Protein backbone atom coordinates (compact mmCIF):
# COMPACT_ATOMS: atom_id res chain seq x y z
CA MET A 1 -38.15 30.75 1.91
CA ASP A 2 -38.43 32.57 5.24
CA SER A 3 -37.52 30.86 8.49
CA LEU A 4 -41.05 30.44 9.85
CA PHE A 5 -42.24 28.75 6.64
CA GLN A 6 -39.30 26.33 6.77
CA ALA A 7 -39.95 25.58 10.45
CA ASN A 8 -43.42 24.28 9.55
CA LEU A 9 -42.20 21.83 6.91
CA GLU A 10 -42.32 18.17 7.87
CA GLY A 11 -38.93 17.01 9.13
CA ALA A 12 -37.66 20.50 9.96
CA ASN A 13 -35.95 20.88 13.33
CA LEU A 14 -36.37 24.63 13.72
CA LYS A 15 -39.26 24.18 16.16
CA SER A 16 -37.07 22.40 18.72
CA GLN A 17 -35.62 25.56 20.23
CA PRO A 18 -36.61 28.23 22.78
CA LEU A 19 -39.18 30.86 21.83
CA ASP A 20 -38.21 33.94 23.87
CA VAL A 21 -34.65 35.22 23.43
CA ALA A 22 -32.54 36.05 26.51
CA TYR A 23 -29.22 37.77 27.05
CA GLY A 24 -26.55 35.14 26.56
CA SER A 25 -28.53 33.31 23.85
CA ARG A 26 -26.63 32.06 20.81
CA ILE A 27 -28.59 33.00 17.69
CA THR A 28 -28.52 33.34 13.93
CA LEU A 29 -30.16 36.28 12.14
CA LYS A 30 -31.80 35.83 8.75
CA SER A 31 -32.58 38.57 6.26
CA ALA A 32 -36.11 38.96 4.92
CA ILE A 33 -34.65 39.23 1.41
CA GLN A 34 -34.47 35.95 -0.50
CA GLY A 35 -30.98 34.89 -1.54
CA VAL A 36 -29.11 36.84 1.16
CA GLY A 37 -29.25 34.26 3.92
CA LEU A 38 -27.82 34.76 7.39
CA LEU A 39 -25.74 37.49 9.00
CA HIS A 40 -22.18 36.17 8.85
CA SER A 41 -18.63 37.06 9.77
CA HIS A 42 -15.23 35.40 9.45
CA LYS A 43 -11.59 36.14 10.21
CA ASP A 44 -10.92 37.83 6.86
CA THR A 45 -10.66 41.62 6.99
CA TYR A 46 -11.66 44.37 4.56
CA PRO A 47 -8.80 45.21 2.15
CA ASP A 48 -9.32 48.95 2.66
CA GLY A 49 -11.47 51.32 4.71
CA SER A 50 -11.29 50.31 8.37
CA ARG A 51 -9.53 47.00 7.56
CA GLN A 52 -11.62 45.44 10.30
CA GLN A 53 -13.26 42.01 10.20
CA GLN A 54 -15.73 41.45 7.36
CA VAL A 55 -19.48 41.14 8.02
CA THR A 56 -21.51 39.66 5.16
CA GLY A 57 -24.64 37.70 4.29
CA TYR A 58 -24.18 33.97 3.67
CA THR A 59 -26.73 31.49 2.34
CA HIS A 60 -25.34 28.25 3.82
CA LYS A 61 -25.43 26.79 7.32
CA ASP A 62 -22.14 27.63 9.02
CA SER A 63 -20.89 28.16 12.57
CA ASN A 64 -19.69 31.60 11.45
CA ASN A 65 -23.36 32.63 11.28
CA ASP A 66 -23.63 32.36 15.09
CA TRP A 67 -23.89 35.45 17.31
CA ILE A 68 -24.27 35.87 21.07
CA ILE A 69 -26.67 38.58 22.20
CA LYS A 70 -25.27 40.58 25.11
CA LYS A 71 -25.87 43.79 27.03
CA VAL A 72 -24.08 47.02 26.16
CA HIS A 73 -20.57 47.61 27.42
CA GLY A 74 -20.48 48.17 31.17
CA GLN A 75 -23.66 46.18 31.88
CA THR A 76 -23.94 42.52 32.83
CA TYR A 77 -26.72 39.98 33.18
CA GLY A 78 -27.05 37.28 35.82
CA ASN A 79 -28.93 34.49 34.10
CA THR A 80 -29.49 31.38 36.23
CA THR A 81 -31.71 28.34 35.94
CA GLU A 82 -34.29 30.22 38.04
CA THR A 83 -34.26 33.59 36.31
CA VAL A 84 -33.25 34.79 32.88
CA GLU A 85 -33.38 38.29 31.45
CA LEU A 86 -35.33 38.36 28.21
CA VAL A 87 -34.65 40.74 25.32
CA LYS A 88 -37.56 42.99 24.35
CA ASP A 89 -38.53 45.67 21.87
CA GLY A 90 -36.48 48.83 22.39
CA ASP A 91 -33.55 47.16 24.16
CA VAL A 92 -30.04 48.28 23.25
CA VAL A 93 -27.81 45.25 22.74
CA ARG A 94 -24.46 44.01 21.49
CA LEU A 95 -24.09 41.13 19.05
CA VAL A 96 -20.83 39.25 19.59
CA HIS A 97 -19.63 36.92 16.84
CA ALA A 98 -19.37 33.49 18.45
CA GLY A 99 -16.39 32.34 16.40
CA THR A 100 -14.11 35.36 16.76
CA MET A 101 -15.70 37.30 19.67
CA ARG A 102 -15.77 40.47 17.55
CA ASN A 103 -18.66 42.88 18.15
CA LEU A 104 -21.08 43.77 15.35
CA HIS A 105 -19.90 47.33 14.71
CA SER A 106 -20.53 50.32 12.47
CA HIS A 107 -18.91 53.73 12.15
CA ALA A 108 -18.51 56.69 9.80
CA VAL A 109 -16.48 54.73 7.25
CA HIS A 110 -17.98 54.30 3.79
CA ALA A 111 -19.15 50.83 2.74
CA HIS A 112 -17.15 49.06 0.06
CA LEU A 113 -19.72 48.90 -2.76
CA SER A 114 -22.59 51.11 -1.57
CA LYS A 115 -20.49 54.19 -0.92
CA ARG A 116 -23.36 56.29 0.45
CA GLU A 117 -23.78 53.90 3.39
CA TRP A 118 -21.61 53.14 6.41
CA GLU A 119 -19.47 50.04 6.70
CA VAL A 120 -20.48 47.21 9.06
CA SER A 121 -17.60 45.26 10.58
CA GLY A 122 -16.47 43.06 13.44
CA TYR A 123 -14.47 44.97 16.05
CA GLY A 124 -12.85 44.47 19.44
CA VAL A 125 -12.77 41.27 21.46
CA ASP A 126 -16.09 41.03 23.31
CA SER A 127 -15.87 43.66 26.08
CA ASN A 128 -12.07 44.10 26.11
CA TYR A 129 -12.21 47.20 23.88
CA PRO A 130 -15.51 48.89 24.81
CA ASP A 131 -16.85 51.08 22.02
CA ALA A 132 -20.30 52.69 21.82
CA ASN A 133 -20.30 51.90 18.09
CA ASP A 134 -21.01 48.28 19.07
CA HIS A 135 -24.51 49.17 20.34
CA TRP A 136 -27.74 48.46 18.42
CA ARG A 137 -31.38 49.06 19.31
CA VAL A 138 -33.92 46.29 18.66
CA GLU A 139 -37.03 47.67 16.89
CA VAL A 140 -39.81 45.09 16.56
CA VAL A 141 -41.89 45.51 13.38
CA GLU A 142 -44.18 42.46 13.39
CA GLU A 143 -44.97 39.63 15.82
CA LEU A 144 -46.67 36.52 14.44
CA SER A 145 -46.96 34.48 17.64
CA ARG A 146 -49.75 34.68 20.19
CA GLY A 147 -49.61 36.20 23.67
CA ASN A 148 -46.59 38.49 23.76
CA PRO A 149 -47.74 41.52 25.81
CA GLU A 150 -44.19 42.35 26.94
CA HIS A 151 -43.02 42.56 23.29
CA HIS A 152 -40.19 40.09 23.84
CA LEU A 153 -37.87 39.24 20.98
CA ARG A 154 -38.87 35.77 19.77
CA THR A 155 -37.36 33.06 17.61
CA LEU A 156 -38.81 32.77 14.06
CA THR A 157 -41.97 34.81 14.73
CA THR A 158 -40.55 38.30 15.39
CA GLN A 159 -39.51 40.53 12.50
CA PHE A 160 -37.33 43.40 13.64
CA ARG A 161 -34.79 46.01 12.64
CA LEU A 162 -31.45 46.85 14.22
CA ARG A 163 -30.76 50.58 14.53
CA HIS A 164 -27.21 51.70 15.25
CA LEU A 165 -27.31 53.84 18.35
CA GLN A 166 -24.48 56.24 17.47
CA GLN A 167 -24.92 56.67 13.70
CA ASN A 168 -28.75 56.29 13.67
CA CYS A 169 -28.49 53.96 10.67
CA MET A 170 -30.13 50.60 9.98
CA LEU A 171 -28.48 47.22 9.46
CA ARG A 172 -29.26 46.53 5.81
CA VAL A 173 -28.64 44.14 2.94
CA THR A 174 -27.96 45.89 -0.37
CA GLY A 175 -28.57 43.06 -2.84
CA LYS A 176 -24.99 43.36 -4.09
CA SER A 177 -22.29 40.70 -3.93
CA LEU A 178 -18.86 41.62 -2.61
CA PRO A 179 -15.73 40.75 -4.66
CA GLN A 180 -13.67 37.58 -4.31
CA TRP A 181 -11.84 38.99 -1.27
CA ALA A 182 -15.13 38.45 0.62
CA TRP A 183 -15.86 35.15 -1.15
CA ARG A 184 -18.59 36.91 -3.21
CA GLN A 185 -20.90 36.95 -0.21
CA ALA A 186 -23.68 39.53 0.22
CA GLU A 187 -22.86 43.11 1.17
CA ILE A 188 -24.15 44.25 4.57
CA VAL A 189 -24.18 47.98 5.37
CA CYS A 190 -25.63 50.46 7.82
CA ASP A 191 -28.23 52.48 5.90
CA ARG A 192 -27.77 56.18 6.66
CA GLN A 193 -31.23 57.05 5.33
CA GLY A 194 -32.86 54.62 7.76
CA LYS A 195 -35.11 53.20 5.03
CA GLN A 196 -37.80 51.00 6.53
CA ASP A 197 -38.24 48.35 3.85
CA ASP A 198 -37.69 44.60 3.63
CA ASN A 199 -33.94 45.06 3.18
CA THR A 200 -33.68 46.14 6.82
CA LEU A 201 -35.90 43.36 8.22
CA TRP A 202 -34.42 40.44 10.16
CA ASN A 203 -35.63 37.48 12.16
CA ILE A 204 -33.93 34.99 14.46
CA GLU A 205 -33.72 31.63 12.72
CA SER A 206 -31.86 29.43 15.21
CA HIS A 207 -31.59 29.88 18.97
CA VAL A 208 -29.64 27.98 21.62
CA ASN A 209 -29.96 28.67 25.34
CA PRO A 210 -29.95 25.75 27.83
CA LEU A 211 -31.61 27.94 30.48
CA LEU A 212 -34.81 28.35 28.44
CA PRO A 213 -37.64 25.87 27.73
CA LEU A 214 -38.40 24.76 24.19
CA ALA A 215 -41.16 26.58 22.34
CA ASP A 216 -44.70 25.28 22.17
CA PRO A 217 -45.15 24.28 18.48
CA LYS A 218 -48.51 26.09 18.51
CA ASP A 219 -46.61 29.39 18.90
CA LEU A 220 -44.59 28.74 15.75
CA LYS A 221 -47.39 28.24 13.24
CA SER A 222 -47.20 30.24 10.04
CA PRO A 223 -50.54 31.78 8.93
CA PHE A 224 -51.74 29.89 5.85
CA LEU A 225 -52.43 32.92 3.65
CA ARG A 226 -49.03 34.42 4.49
CA SER A 227 -47.28 31.14 3.63
CA PHE A 228 -49.31 30.74 0.42
CA VAL A 229 -48.46 34.22 -0.84
CA ARG A 230 -44.77 34.01 0.09
CA LEU A 231 -44.34 30.58 -1.47
CA ASN A 232 -45.84 31.72 -4.77
CA MET A 233 -43.72 34.89 -4.73
CA ALA A 234 -40.58 32.80 -4.20
CA MET A 235 -41.60 30.41 -6.98
CA ALA A 236 -42.23 33.36 -9.30
CA ARG A 237 -38.78 34.83 -8.58
CA THR A 238 -37.16 31.48 -9.32
CA ASN A 239 -39.28 31.02 -12.44
CA ASN A 240 -38.29 34.46 -13.74
CA ALA A 241 -34.62 33.57 -13.33
CA LEU A 242 -34.89 30.60 -15.70
CA VAL A 243 -33.63 31.13 -19.24
CA PRO A 244 -35.80 29.37 -21.87
CA ASP A 245 -34.38 27.71 -24.95
CA ARG A 246 -35.78 29.91 -27.72
CA ASP A 247 -35.20 27.19 -30.35
CA LYS A 248 -37.72 24.87 -28.69
CA ILE A 249 -41.42 25.05 -27.92
CA ASP A 250 -41.70 23.99 -24.29
CA VAL A 251 -45.22 22.72 -23.60
CA LEU A 252 -44.27 22.14 -19.96
CA THR A 253 -43.56 25.77 -19.17
CA SER A 254 -45.90 27.36 -16.63
CA SER A 255 -46.43 30.91 -15.39
CA PRO A 256 -47.15 32.11 -11.84
CA TYR A 257 -50.84 32.69 -12.61
CA ASP A 258 -51.16 28.96 -13.47
CA TRP A 259 -50.22 27.77 -9.98
CA PRO A 260 -53.05 28.97 -7.71
CA ILE A 261 -55.76 27.83 -10.15
CA LEU A 262 -54.05 24.48 -10.89
CA ARG A 263 -54.20 25.09 -14.65
CA LEU A 264 -51.03 23.11 -15.35
CA GLY A 265 -49.04 20.40 -13.67
CA LEU A 266 -45.41 21.07 -12.78
CA ARG A 267 -42.37 19.06 -13.71
CA ILE A 268 -40.05 19.01 -10.71
CA CYS A 269 -37.21 16.81 -11.96
CA GLY A 270 -34.76 16.27 -14.73
CA TRP A 271 -35.40 13.94 -17.67
CA GLY A 272 -32.13 11.98 -17.56
CA ASP A 273 -32.35 8.23 -18.08
CA SER A 274 -31.27 7.59 -14.48
CA ASP A 275 -33.49 10.29 -12.92
CA VAL A 276 -36.66 9.48 -11.01
CA LYS A 277 -39.50 11.33 -12.75
CA PHE A 278 -41.97 13.52 -10.83
CA TRP A 279 -45.03 15.33 -12.15
CA LEU A 280 -46.83 17.56 -9.65
CA ILE A 281 -50.60 17.71 -10.22
CA GLY A 282 -52.70 20.17 -8.24
CA ASN A 283 -55.50 18.95 -6.00
CA PRO A 284 -58.21 21.48 -5.06
CA VAL A 285 -59.25 19.49 -1.96
């Protein structure tokens, strides 16, 4: 499920973080496509092409998902406890991998599976090797929180795209898994066609910046209808991935159209002797 939906689940800790994103913030970026996870990098390099550091999509929590948002090469920011510089729609930024200090980078080198697209890699060491191919423009697509007249980039509630300034391509997930040399993680490319679909949409899932106040929980509410539709779409995708046993008649099987109208209950457990049994029954109230 998407980050904002998860933040509104009981027991989730995603609401205990700043709302507006500033230069110097440590963030994670989540794809809008289910099953891709978070923008990720690690010390392993591509076996061919540029042979630079791999950038992938990874579905598990990991410190290698952390990025620091910074200004372009040659520019600095002077954040203090009194003033911080917030990131807004249209800003050109660098994303520096927190674990290795490599910049999120793209160039005219073909991607490893999707050969029509450009490779995305980790390059340089922060600002020690300045390269304009480290620069990305933030393009806000949708804002779900209230009161944001300055179009600031916000945690959880802002959906945005990252456009590469030099190649004019979009940071994109392809839906393909890289080979074992990249631990079968998701392929990330820079889309040369600049397609504006869900594969190029991102949001900030986690955000750390001690100079910023924590968000008001009211600003992080997910609209009910949006959550309802997305939850049922995710359930339908998972349901479609199940393989039925054709030798058995399964009276417990349900279809997506059964869920909104509460036609059937749902089994949400295994039937092993030691398993606790759950049967989910819909309640229209």
